[in-house]
């Protein structure tokens, strides 16, 4: 069950990261207008929020998976 432990550790770390930084931004570039070889582009920034309940749930799930993986190895 080594894979279960690894997945659990990854989920627990992702949950901690989500709790530490609940807001992140992404940017995307879109073509606004095009005339021959001339292109006008606009960069749009959007903000995304990870709810603390989701981050906490992922972290708890990771800890449970680590515990289950370690328990089945005995």
Protein backbone atom coordinates (compact mmCIF):
# COMPACT_ATOMS: atom_id res chain seq x y z
CA UNK A 1 0.00 0.00 0.00
CA UNK A 2 2.92 2.33 -0.61
CA UNK A 3 0.93 4.10 -3.33
CA UNK A 4 -1.85 4.90 -0.85
CA UNK A 5 0.64 6.56 1.49
CA UNK A 6 2.17 8.60 -1.34
CA UNK A 7 -1.24 9.80 -2.54
CA UNK A 8 -2.16 10.66 1.06
CA UNK A 9 1.00 12.71 1.55
CA UNK A 10 0.41 14.58 -1.71
CA UNK A 11 -3.20 15.37 -0.74
CA UNK A 12 -2.17 16.49 2.75
CA UNK A 13 0.46 18.84 1.29
CA UNK A 14 -2.04 20.23 -1.24
CA UNK A 15 -4.51 20.84 1.60
CA UNK A 16 -1.88 22.73 3.59
CA UNK A 17 -0.94 24.82 0.56
CA UNK A 18 -4.62 25.59 -0.03
CA UNK A 19 -5.00 26.76 3.55
CA UNK A 20 -1.81 28.84 3.39
CA UNK A 21 -2.63 30.58 0.08
CA UNK A 22 -6.39 30.45 -0.53
CA UNK A 23 -6.34 33.01 -3.38
CA UNK A 24 -4.34 32.72 -6.58
CA UNK A 25 -4.46 34.55 -9.90
CA UNK A 26 -4.13 33.36 -13.45
CA UNK A 27 -3.70 35.31 -16.64
CA UNK A 28 -4.77 34.57 -20.18
CA UNK A 29 -3.95 36.40 -23.39
CA UNK A 30 -6.67 36.79 -25.98
CA UNK A 31 -6.64 38.22 -29.47
CA UNK A 32 -8.87 41.30 -29.52
CA UNK A 33 -8.42 42.31 -33.15
CA UNK A 34 -6.47 41.05 -36.12
CA UNK A 35 -5.73 42.91 -39.34
CA UNK A 36 -3.31 41.05 -41.58
CA UNK A 37 -0.08 40.55 -39.65
CA UNK A 38 -1.09 43.11 -37.01
CA UNK A 39 -2.63 41.57 -33.90
CA UNK A 40 -3.99 43.38 -30.87
CA UNK A 41 -3.93 41.24 -27.74
CA UNK A 42 -5.29 41.78 -24.26
CA UNK A 43 -4.17 40.05 -21.09
CA UNK A 44 -6.94 39.24 -18.65
CA UNK A 45 -6.16 38.47 -15.01
CA UNK A 46 -8.65 36.45 -13.01
CA UNK A 47 -8.60 35.63 -9.33
CA UNK A 48 -9.61 32.22 -7.94
CA UNK A 49 -10.50 31.43 -4.34
CA UNK A 50 -10.14 28.00 -2.70
CA UNK A 51 -12.66 27.66 0.15
CA UNK A 52 -11.08 26.72 3.49
CA UNK A 53 -13.56 23.85 3.88
CA UNK A 54 -12.28 22.25 0.66
CA UNK A 55 -8.63 22.70 1.68
CA UNK A 56 -9.29 21.28 5.13
CA UNK A 57 -11.22 18.35 3.67
CA UNK A 58 -8.40 17.51 1.27
CA UNK A 59 -5.88 17.71 4.10
CA UNK A 60 -7.98 15.44 6.34
CA UNK A 61 -8.48 12.97 3.49
CA UNK A 62 -4.72 12.89 2.94
CA UNK A 63 -4.05 12.19 6.61
CA UNK A 64 -6.66 9.41 6.61
CA UNK A 65 -5.12 7.83 3.51
CA UNK A 66 -1.65 7.95 5.07
CA UNK A 67 -3.01 6.32 8.22
CA UNK A 68 -4.83 3.64 6.22
CA UNK A 69 -1.72 2.94 4.15
CA UNK A 70 0.47 2.61 7.22
CA UNK A 71 -2.11 0.48 9.05
CA UNK A 72 -2.39 -2.03 6.19
CA UNK A 73 1.41 -2.39 5.97
CA UNK A 74 1.63 -3.93 9.44
